[in-house]
Amino acid sequence: MLDRVPLIAGNWKMHKTLSEAVSFASALKGQLEEGGRGVEVAVCPPFTALAGVSEVLKESGINVGAQDVFWEEKGAFTGEISPPMLADLGCRYVIIGHSERRQYFGETDSAVNRKTRAALRWDLVPIVCVGETLSEREGGAALRVVERQLRGGLEGLLPHQAAGLVIAYEPVWAIGTGVNASPRDAQEMIAFIRRTVGEMYGGRAAESVRILYGGSVSPANAASILAEPDIDGALVGGASLDLASFLTIVDAAAVSQR
């Protein structure tokens, strides 16, 4: 099995003004510079704060990601942000296909695929989100839904591109609800995701791809979730907005690797 460096990524969603984001990034940088934890850390601010946060975190070892991207490089697409724009700001990651994008803005698996391929052309690392709703899980369709999202979202990639992805399993029923999937349920689904990537792109891609858990990750549950063998980190929502909570989750990821 290849070593996969754990990734803890904070998705700030529609939170933090520019000044708040810069202040938080400065404090996070100061804390993580006190000692390495053996964990990769990234923050994903709103578009309005990307430039400021990127400047603060430049050469800090903390990576910056965006929360969405459009698939065209330029053009008459009012309100959209292109891959080269994100690359120019110093972004390493971009979240694609988050359930809130699917639910509120009608994002499809086809759109996820176009965005993923566009991001890769600009050397951005997609964090591709998949996950089922409560009704789909209760109806026994969770595996089928996640497989459909994976195959649709990752269609047409090269094996080395799939190997370098980050996939985030976020059960929709757990996002922002305070109810997280049990460690066992999360492990079972993430192992299934890894097997599916293997079917699509081979064993090396399956061993290399990092798969995160997301959905009400908190300091209280992070250690038990991150201890599971196929879980390579977390995409953290609300808990990433509080410095102490976020650092506790980073520490939990570090302990899981010992």
C-alpha atoms as a PDB file:
ATOM      1  CA  MET A   1       0.000   0.000   0.000  1.00  0.00           C
ATOM      2  CA  LEU A   2       1.300   3.456  -0.893  1.00  0.00           C
ATOM      3  CA  ASP A   3       1.665   6.090   1.793  1.00  0.00           C
ATOM      4  CA  ARG A   4      -1.061   8.692   1.509  1.00  0.00           C
ATOM      5  CA  VAL A   5      -0.435  11.952   3.361  1.00  0.00           C
ATOM      6  CA  PRO A   6      -3.574  12.885   5.309  1.00  0.00           C
ATOM      7  CA  LEU A   7      -5.367  16.013   4.127  1.00  0.00           C
ATOM      8  CA  ILE A   8      -7.537  18.191   6.331  1.00  0.00           C
ATOM      9  CA  ALA A   9      -9.330  20.770   4.190  1.00  0.00           C
ATOM     10  CA  GLY A  10     -11.558  23.473   5.607  1.00  0.00           C
ATOM     11  CA  ASN A  11     -14.551  24.471   3.486  1.00  0.00           C
ATOM     12  CA  TRP A  12     -15.572  27.878   4.792  1.00  0.00           C
ATOM     13  CA  LYS A  13     -18.618  28.035   2.505  1.00  0.00           C
ATOM     14  CA  MET A  14     -20.266  31.504   2.563  1.00  0.00           C
ATOM     15  CA  HIS A  15     -18.512  32.667   5.718  1.00  0.00           C
ATOM     16  CA  LYS A  16     -15.836  35.242   6.583  1.00  0.00           C
ATOM     17  CA  THR A  17     -15.280  38.677   5.117  1.00  0.00           C
ATOM     18  CA  LEU A  18     -11.876  39.459   3.670  1.00  0.00           C
ATOM     19  CA  SER A  19     -10.573  40.886   6.943  1.00  0.00           C
ATOM     20  CA  GLU A  20     -11.941  37.948   8.943  1.00  0.00           C
ATOM     21  CA  ALA A  21     -10.443  35.439   6.515  1.00  0.00           C
ATOM     22  CA  VAL A  22      -7.010  37.088   6.535  1.00  0.00           C
ATOM     23  CA  SER A  23      -7.019  37.246  10.335  1.00  0.00           C
ATOM     24  CA  PHE A  24      -7.940  33.566  10.591  1.00  0.00           C
ATOM     25  CA  ALA A  25      -5.299  32.548   8.036  1.00  0.00           C
ATOM     26  CA  SER A  26      -2.635  34.492   9.934  1.00  0.00           C
ATOM     27  CA  ALA A  27      -3.553  32.793  13.193  1.00  0.00           C
ATOM     28  CA  LEU A  28      -3.619  29.353  11.563  1.00  0.00           C
ATOM     29  CA  LYS A  29      -0.218  29.955  10.017  1.00  0.00           C
ATOM     30  CA  GLY A  30       1.209  30.949  13.385  1.00  0.00           C
ATOM     31  CA  GLN A  31      -0.111  27.820  15.070  1.00  0.00           C
ATOM     32  CA  LEU A  32       1.069  25.381  12.419  1.00  0.00           C
ATOM     33  CA  GLU A  33       4.501  26.972  12.211  1.00  0.00           C
ATOM     34  CA  GLU A  34       5.059  26.023  15.830  1.00  0.00           C
ATOM     35  CA  GLY A  35       5.587  22.424  14.813  1.00  0.00           C
ATOM     36  CA  GLY A  36       4.851  20.145  11.904  1.00  0.00           C
ATOM     37  CA  ARG A  37       2.062  17.655  12.385  1.00  0.00           C
ATOM     38  CA  GLY A  38       2.748  15.453   9.362  1.00  0.00           C
ATOM     39  CA  VAL A  39      -0.618  16.421   7.907  1.00  0.00           C
ATOM     40  CA  GLU A  40      -1.390  18.489   4.834  1.00  0.00           C
ATOM     41  CA  VAL A  41      -3.717  21.372   5.639  1.00  0.00           C
ATOM     42  CA  ALA A  42      -5.771  23.440   3.206  1.00  0.00           C
ATOM     43  CA  VAL A  43      -8.404  26.134   3.555  1.00  0.00           C
ATOM     44  CA  CYS A  44     -11.071  26.980   0.997  1.00  0.00           C
ATOM     45  CA  PRO A  45     -12.328  30.542   1.519  1.00  0.00           C
ATOM     46  CA  PRO A  46     -14.991  32.335  -0.524  1.00  0.00           C
ATOM     47  CA  PHE A  47     -13.795  33.751  -3.846  1.00  0.00           C
ATOM     48  CA  THR A  48     -13.667  37.268  -2.350  1.00  0.00           C
ATOM     49  CA  ALA A  49     -11.004  36.219   0.161  1.00  0.00           C
ATOM     50  CA  LEU A  50      -8.827  33.977  -2.005  1.00  0.00           C
ATOM     51  CA  ALA A  51      -6.267  36.626  -2.921  1.00  0.00           C
ATOM     52  CA  GLY A  52      -5.835  37.854   0.642  1.00  0.00           C
ATOM     53  CA  VAL A  53      -5.615  34.381   2.172  1.00  0.00           C
ATOM     54  CA  SER A  54      -3.224  33.184  -0.539  1.00  0.00           C
ATOM     55  CA  GLU A  55      -0.891  36.085   0.193  1.00  0.00           C
ATOM     56  CA  VAL A  56      -0.883  35.358   3.930  1.00  0.00           C
ATOM     57  CA  LEU A  57      -0.261  31.639   3.463  1.00  0.00           C
ATOM     58  CA  LYS A  58       2.301  31.909   0.686  1.00  0.00           C
ATOM     59  CA  GLU A  59       5.279  29.629   1.420  1.00  0.00           C
ATOM     60  CA  SER A  60       3.684  28.538   4.711  1.00  0.00           C
ATOM     61  CA  GLY A  61       2.979  24.958   3.667  1.00  0.00           C
ATOM     62  CA  ILE A  62      -0.753  25.539   4.122  1.00  0.00           C
ATOM     63  CA  ASN A  63      -2.537  25.218   0.800  1.00  0.00           C
ATOM     64  CA  VAL A  64      -5.448  27.246  -0.504  1.00  0.00           C
ATOM     65  CA  GLY A  65      -8.434  25.957  -2.433  1.00  0.00           C
ATOM     66  CA  ALA A  66     -11.518  27.410  -4.061  1.00  0.00           C
ATOM     67  CA  GLN A  67     -15.062  26.228  -3.479  1.00  0.00           C
ATOM     68  CA  ASP A  68     -16.048  25.919  -7.140  1.00  0.00           C
ATOM     69  CA  VAL A  69     -14.825  26.573 -10.685  1.00  0.00           C
ATOM     70  CA  PHE A  70     -16.264  26.896 -14.187  1.00  0.00           C
ATOM     71  CA  TRP A  71     -15.036  24.725 -17.054  1.00  0.00           C
ATOM     72  CA  GLU A  72     -14.262  27.470 -19.578  1.00  0.00           C
ATOM     73  CA  GLU A  73     -11.024  29.454 -19.456  1.00  0.00           C
ATOM     74  CA  LYS A  74     -12.635  32.780 -20.384  1.00  0.00           C
ATOM     75  CA  GLY A  75     -15.738  34.178 -22.043  1.00  0.00           C
ATOM     76  CA  ALA A  76     -19.147  35.714 -21.505  1.00  0.00           C
ATOM     77  CA  PHE A  77     -20.059  33.742 -18.368  1.00  0.00           C
ATOM     78  CA  THR A  78     -21.183  36.371 -15.895  1.00  0.00           C
ATOM     79  CA  GLY A  79     -20.408  35.488 -12.301  1.00  0.00           C
ATOM     80  CA  GLU A  80     -18.223  32.494 -13.075  1.00  0.00           C
ATOM     81  CA  ILE A  81     -14.562  31.927 -12.135  1.00  0.00           C
ATOM     82  CA  SER A  82     -12.173  30.078 -14.453  1.00  0.00           C
ATOM     83  CA  PRO A  83      -9.353  27.625 -13.696  1.00  0.00           C
ATOM     84  CA  PRO A  84      -6.594  30.035 -14.803  1.00  0.00           C
ATOM     85  CA  MET A  85      -8.016  32.701 -12.491  1.00  0.00           C
ATOM     86  CA  LEU A  86      -7.726  30.297  -9.548  1.00  0.00           C
ATOM     87  CA  ALA A  87      -4.250  29.187 -10.587  1.00  0.00           C
ATOM     88  CA  ASP A  88      -3.187  32.827 -10.817  1.00  0.00           C
ATOM     89  CA  LEU A  89      -4.280  33.333  -7.199  1.00  0.00           C
ATOM     90  CA  GLY A  90      -2.098  30.479  -6.004  1.00  0.00           C
ATOM     91  CA  CYS A  91      -4.843  27.921  -5.451  1.00  0.00           C
ATOM     92  CA  ARG A  92      -3.793  24.290  -5.291  1.00  0.00           C
ATOM     93  CA  TYR A  93      -7.214  22.734  -4.714  1.00  0.00           C
ATOM     94  CA  VAL A  94     -10.755  23.291  -5.893  1.00  0.00           C
ATOM     95  CA  ILE A  95     -13.891  21.692  -4.478  1.00  0.00           C
ATOM     96  CA  ILE A  96     -16.104  20.298  -7.230  1.00  0.00           C
ATOM     97  CA  GLY A  97     -19.598  18.812  -6.987  1.00  0.00           C
ATOM     98  CA  HIS A  98     -20.341  19.606  -3.354  1.00  0.00           C
ATOM     99  CA  SER A  99     -23.848  18.481  -2.454  1.00  0.00           C
ATOM    100  CA  GLU A 100     -24.893  22.093  -1.887  1.00  0.00           C
ATOM    101  CA  ARG A 101     -23.912  22.866  -5.477  1.00  0.00           C
ATOM    102  CA  ARG A 102     -25.905  19.851  -6.639  1.00  0.00           C
ATOM    103  CA  GLN A 103     -28.919  20.615  -4.427  1.00  0.00           C
ATOM    104  CA  TYR A 104     -29.241  24.394  -4.753  1.00  0.00           C
ATOM    105  CA  PHE A 105     -27.717  25.058  -8.168  1.00  0.00           C
ATOM    106  CA  GLY A 106     -28.636  21.948 -10.120  1.00  0.00           C
ATOM    107  CA  GLU A 107     -25.092  20.722 -10.687  1.00  0.00           C
ATOM    108  CA  THR A 108     -25.028  17.411 -12.543  1.00  0.00           C
ATOM    109  CA  ASP A 109     -22.472  14.603 -12.806  1.00  0.00           C
ATOM    110  CA  SER A 110     -21.730  15.867 -16.326  1.00  0.00           C
ATOM    111  CA  ALA A 111     -20.951  19.344 -15.001  1.00  0.00           C
ATOM    112  CA  VAL A 112     -18.737  17.824 -12.309  1.00  0.00           C
ATOM    113  CA  ASN A 113     -16.839  15.960 -15.015  1.00  0.00           C
ATOM    114  CA  ARG A 114     -16.329  19.058 -17.156  1.00  0.00           C
ATOM    115  CA  LYS A 115     -15.125  21.057 -14.163  1.00  0.00           C
ATOM    116  CA  THR A 116     -12.800  18.284 -13.009  1.00  0.00           C
ATOM    117  CA  ARG A 117     -11.161  17.957 -16.406  1.00  0.00           C
ATOM    118  CA  ALA A 118     -10.813  21.725 -16.741  1.00  0.00           C
ATOM    119  CA  ALA A 119      -9.206  22.013 -13.299  1.00  0.00           C
ATOM    120  CA  LEU A 120      -6.692  19.294 -14.153  1.00  0.00           C
ATOM    121  CA  ARG A 121      -5.656  21.125 -17.315  1.00  0.00           C
ATOM    122  CA  TRP A 122      -4.482  23.964 -15.061  1.00  0.00           C
ATOM    123  CA  ASP A 123      -2.767  21.733 -12.506  1.00  0.00           C
ATOM    124  CA  LEU A 124      -5.443  22.321  -9.900  1.00  0.00           C
ATOM    125  CA  VAL A 125      -6.235  19.320  -7.711  1.00  0.00           C
ATOM    126  CA  PRO A 126      -9.977  18.644  -7.715  1.00  0.00           C
ATOM    127  CA  ILE A 127     -11.658  17.632  -4.469  1.00  0.00           C
ATOM    128  CA  VAL A 128     -14.556  15.770  -6.066  1.00  0.00           C
ATOM    129  CA  CYS A 129     -17.515  15.356  -3.721  1.00  0.00           C
ATOM    130  CA  VAL A 130     -19.920  12.428  -3.753  1.00  0.00           C
ATOM    131  CA  GLY A 131     -22.634  11.314  -1.368  1.00  0.00           C
ATOM    132  CA  GLU A 132     -26.182  10.076  -0.981  1.00  0.00           C
ATOM    133  CA  THR A 133     -29.285  11.625   0.577  1.00  0.00           C
ATOM    134  CA  LEU A 134     -31.050  10.119   3.568  1.00  0.00           C
ATOM    135  CA  SER A 135     -33.881   8.767   1.427  1.00  0.00           C
ATOM    136  CA  GLU A 136     -31.377   7.136  -0.929  1.00  0.00           C
ATOM    137  CA  ARG A 137     -29.563   5.485   1.977  1.00  0.00           C
ATOM    138  CA  GLU A 138     -32.787   4.309   3.618  1.00  0.00           C
ATOM    139  CA  GLY A 139     -33.951   2.987   0.248  1.00  0.00           C
ATOM    140  CA  GLY A 140     -30.825   0.888  -0.158  1.00  0.00           C
ATOM    141  CA  ALA A 141     -29.512   2.980  -3.048  1.00  0.00           C
ATOM    142  CA  ALA A 142     -26.460   4.580  -1.404  1.00  0.00           C
ATOM    143  CA  LEU A 143     -23.847   2.493  -3.220  1.00  0.00           C
ATOM    144  CA  ARG A 144     -25.607   2.861  -6.542  1.00  0.00           C
ATOM    145  CA  VAL A 145     -25.865   6.645  -6.193  1.00  0.00           C
ATOM    146  CA  VAL A 146     -22.231   7.094  -5.194  1.00  0.00           C
ATOM    147  CA  GLU A 147     -21.039   4.811  -7.976  1.00  0.00           C
ATOM    148  CA  ARG A 148     -23.058   6.802 -10.515  1.00  0.00           C
ATOM    149  CA  GLN A 149     -21.557  10.052  -9.254  1.00  0.00           C
ATOM    150  CA  LEU A 150     -18.046   8.609  -9.398  1.00  0.00           C
ATOM    151  CA  ARG A 151     -18.331   7.133 -12.863  1.00  0.00           C
ATOM    152  CA  GLY A 152     -20.014  10.245 -14.241  1.00  0.00           C
ATOM    153  CA  GLY A 153     -17.752  12.723 -12.504  1.00  0.00           C
ATOM    154  CA  LEU A 154     -14.464  10.956 -13.270  1.00  0.00           C
ATOM    155  CA  GLU A 155     -15.236   9.747 -16.781  1.00  0.00           C
ATOM    156  CA  GLY A 156     -12.474  10.126 -19.353  1.00  0.00           C
ATOM    157  CA  LEU A 157      -9.556  10.772 -17.014  1.00  0.00           C
ATOM    158  CA  LEU A 158      -6.157   9.183 -17.432  1.00  0.00           C
ATOM    159  CA  PRO A 159      -5.026   6.771 -14.699  1.00  0.00           C
ATOM    160  CA  HIS A 160      -2.378   9.165 -13.388  1.00  0.00           C
ATOM    161  CA  GLN A 161      -4.971  11.943 -13.195  1.00  0.00           C
ATOM    162  CA  ALA A 162      -7.305   9.746 -11.168  1.00  0.00           C
ATOM    163  CA  ALA A 163      -4.424   8.788  -8.887  1.00  0.00           C
ATOM    164  CA  GLY A 164      -3.751  12.439  -8.074  1.00  0.00           C
ATOM    165  CA  LEU A 165      -7.333  13.350  -7.246  1.00  0.00           C
ATOM    166  CA  VAL A 166      -8.911  13.907  -3.877  1.00  0.00           C
ATOM    167  CA  ILE A 167     -12.400  12.456  -3.442  1.00  0.00           C
ATOM    168  CA  ALA A 168     -14.612  13.539  -0.557  1.00  0.00           C
ATOM    169  CA  TYR A 169     -17.422  11.275   0.607  1.00  0.00           C
ATOM    170  CA  GLU A 170     -20.048  13.525   2.161  1.00  0.00           C
ATOM    171  CA  PRO A 171     -23.363  11.866   2.976  1.00  0.00           C
ATOM    172  CA  VAL A 172     -25.874  14.631   2.316  1.00  0.00           C
ATOM    173  CA  TRP A 173     -27.876  13.749   5.415  1.00  0.00           C
ATOM    174  CA  ALA A 174     -24.834  14.452   7.606  1.00  0.00           C
ATOM    175  CA  ILE A 175     -23.802  17.842   6.207  1.00  0.00           C
ATOM    176  CA  GLY A 176     -24.486  20.617   8.682  1.00  0.00           C
ATOM    177  CA  THR A 177     -26.867  18.469  10.700  1.00  0.00           C
ATOM    178  CA  GLY A 178     -24.572  17.514  13.552  1.00  0.00           C
ATOM    179  CA  VAL A 179     -25.216  13.850  12.712  1.00  0.00           C
ATOM    180  CA  ASN A 180     -22.171  12.182  11.204  1.00  0.00           C
ATOM    181  CA  ALA A 181     -21.893   8.786   9.605  1.00  0.00           C
ATOM    182  CA  SER A 182     -20.527   6.176  11.997  1.00  0.00           C
ATOM    183  CA  PRO A 183     -16.839   5.359  11.487  1.00  0.00           C
ATOM    184  CA  ARG A 184     -17.866   1.925  10.230  1.00  0.00           C
ATOM    185  CA  ASP A 185     -20.349   3.324   7.700  1.00  0.00           C
ATOM    186  CA  ALA A 186     -17.832   5.896   6.506  1.00  0.00           C
ATOM    187  CA  GLN A 187     -15.121   3.259   6.142  1.00  0.00           C
ATOM    188  CA  GLU A 188     -17.406   0.903   4.225  1.00  0.00           C
ATOM    189  CA  MET A 189     -18.405   3.577   1.722  1.00  0.00           C
ATOM    190  CA  ILE A 190     -14.891   4.937   1.293  1.00  0.00           C
ATOM    191  CA  ALA A 191     -13.537   1.414   0.742  1.00  0.00           C
ATOM    192  CA  PHE A 192     -16.251   0.999  -1.915  1.00  0.00           C
ATOM    193  CA  ILE A 193     -15.155   4.268  -3.534  1.00  0.00           C
ATOM    194  CA  ARG A 194     -11.561   3.040  -3.600  1.00  0.00           C
ATOM    195  CA  ARG A 195     -12.621  -0.242  -5.225  1.00  0.00           C
ATOM    196  CA  THR A 196     -14.640   1.643  -7.825  1.00  0.00           C
ATOM    197  CA  VAL A 197     -11.666   3.856  -8.701  1.00  0.00           C
ATOM    198  CA  GLY A 198      -9.661   0.644  -9.054  1.00  0.00           C
ATOM    199  CA  GLU A 199     -12.220  -0.796 -11.464  1.00  0.00           C
ATOM    200  CA  MET A 200     -12.091   2.395 -13.510  1.00  0.00           C
ATOM    201  CA  TYR A 201      -8.386   3.209 -13.455  1.00  0.00           C
ATOM    202  CA  GLY A 202      -6.445   0.313 -11.966  1.00  0.00           C
ATOM    203  CA  GLY A 203      -4.966  -0.696  -8.648  1.00  0.00           C
ATOM    204  CA  ARG A 204      -2.258   1.950  -8.499  1.00  0.00           C
ATOM    205  CA  ALA A 205      -4.801   4.751  -8.898  1.00  0.00           C
ATOM    206  CA  ALA A 206      -6.969   3.178  -6.208  1.00  0.00           C
ATOM    207  CA  GLU A 207      -4.058   2.990  -3.777  1.00  0.00           C
ATOM    208  CA  SER A 208      -2.885   6.516  -4.543  1.00  0.00           C
ATOM    209  CA  VAL A 209      -6.127   8.498  -4.560  1.00  0.00           C
ATOM    210  CA  ARG A 210      -6.867  10.235  -1.275  1.00  0.00           C
ATOM    211  CA  ILE A 211     -10.431   9.861  -0.031  1.00  0.00           C
ATOM    212  CA  LEU A 212     -11.741  12.167   2.674  1.00  0.00           C
ATOM    213  CA  TYR A 213     -14.797  12.003   4.878  1.00  0.00           C
ATOM    214  CA  GLY A 214     -17.014  15.055   5.244  1.00  0.00           C
ATOM    215  CA  GLY A 215     -20.272  15.658   7.063  1.00  0.00           C
ATOM    216  CA  SER A 216     -20.443  17.206  10.544  1.00  0.00           C
ATOM    217  CA  VAL A 217     -16.798  16.435  11.275  1.00  0.00           C
ATOM    218  CA  SER A 218     -15.972  17.828  14.714  1.00  0.00           C
ATOM    219  CA  PRO A 219     -13.293  17.613  17.400  1.00  0.00           C
ATOM    220  CA  ALA A 220     -15.521  15.083  19.167  1.00  0.00           C
ATOM    221  CA  ASN A 221     -15.712  12.562  16.309  1.00  0.00           C
ATOM    222  CA  ALA A 222     -12.631  13.245  14.183  1.00  0.00           C
ATOM    223  CA  ALA A 223     -10.289  10.782  15.903  1.00  0.00           C
ATOM    224  CA  SER A 224     -12.593   7.790  15.517  1.00  0.00           C
ATOM    225  CA  ILE A 225     -13.374   8.566  11.880  1.00  0.00           C
ATOM    226  CA  LEU A 226      -9.777   9.279  10.875  1.00  0.00           C
ATOM    227  CA  ALA A 227      -8.543   6.071  12.486  1.00  0.00           C
ATOM    228  CA  GLU A 228     -10.262   4.011   9.767  1.00  0.00           C
ATOM    229  CA  PRO A 229      -7.772   2.552   7.255  1.00  0.00           C
ATOM    230  CA  ASP A 230      -9.233   3.895   4.019  1.00  0.00           C
ATOM    231  CA  ILE A 231     -10.035   7.401   5.289  1.00  0.00           C
ATOM    232  CA  ASP A 232      -7.254   9.807   4.327  1.00  0.00           C
ATOM    233  CA  GLY A 233      -8.496  12.965   6.005  1.00  0.00           C
ATOM    234  CA  ALA A 234     -11.535  15.176   6.211  1.00  0.00           C
ATOM    235  CA  LEU A 235     -13.350  17.930   4.389  1.00  0.00           C
ATOM    236  CA  VAL A 236     -14.432  20.042   7.335  1.00  0.00           C
ATOM    237  CA  GLY A 237     -17.315  22.501   7.228  1.00  0.00           C
ATOM    238  CA  GLY A 238     -18.506  24.370  10.307  1.00  0.00           C
ATOM    239  CA  ALA A 239     -15.658  23.210  12.542  1.00  0.00           C
ATOM    240  CA  SER A 240     -13.124  24.748  10.155  1.00  0.00           C
ATOM    241  CA  LEU A 241     -14.417  28.222  11.020  1.00  0.00           C
ATOM    242  CA  ASP A 242     -13.106  27.984  14.578  1.00  0.00           C
ATOM    243  CA  LEU A 243      -9.327  27.874  14.951  1.00  0.00           C
ATOM    244  CA  ALA A 244      -9.180  25.638  18.023  1.00  0.00           C
ATOM    245  CA  SER A 245     -11.670  23.154  16.576  1.00  0.00           C
ATOM    246  CA  PHE A 246      -9.873  22.986  13.246  1.00  0.00           C
ATOM    247  CA  LEU A 247      -6.483  22.442  14.877  1.00  0.00           C
ATOM    248  CA  THR A 248      -7.919  19.660  17.032  1.00  0.00           C
ATOM    249  CA  ILE A 249      -9.046  17.870  13.861  1.00  0.00           C
ATOM    250  CA  VAL A 250      -5.601  18.373  12.305  1.00  0.00           C
ATOM    251  CA  ASP A 251      -4.043  16.836  15.424  1.00  0.00           C
ATOM    252  CA  ALA A 252      -6.451  13.900  15.230  1.00  0.00           C
ATOM    253  CA  ALA A 253      -5.293  13.234  11.677  1.00  0.00           C
ATOM    254  CA  ALA A 254      -1.671  13.331  12.813  1.00  0.00           C
ATOM    255  CA  VAL A 255      -2.322  10.823  15.612  1.00  0.00           C
ATOM    256  CA  SER A 256      -4.103   8.480  13.174  1.00  0.00           C
ATOM    257  CA  GLN A 257      -0.848   8.100  11.221  1.00  0.00           C
ATOM    258  CA  ARG A 258       1.296   6.942  14.155  1.00  0.00           C
END
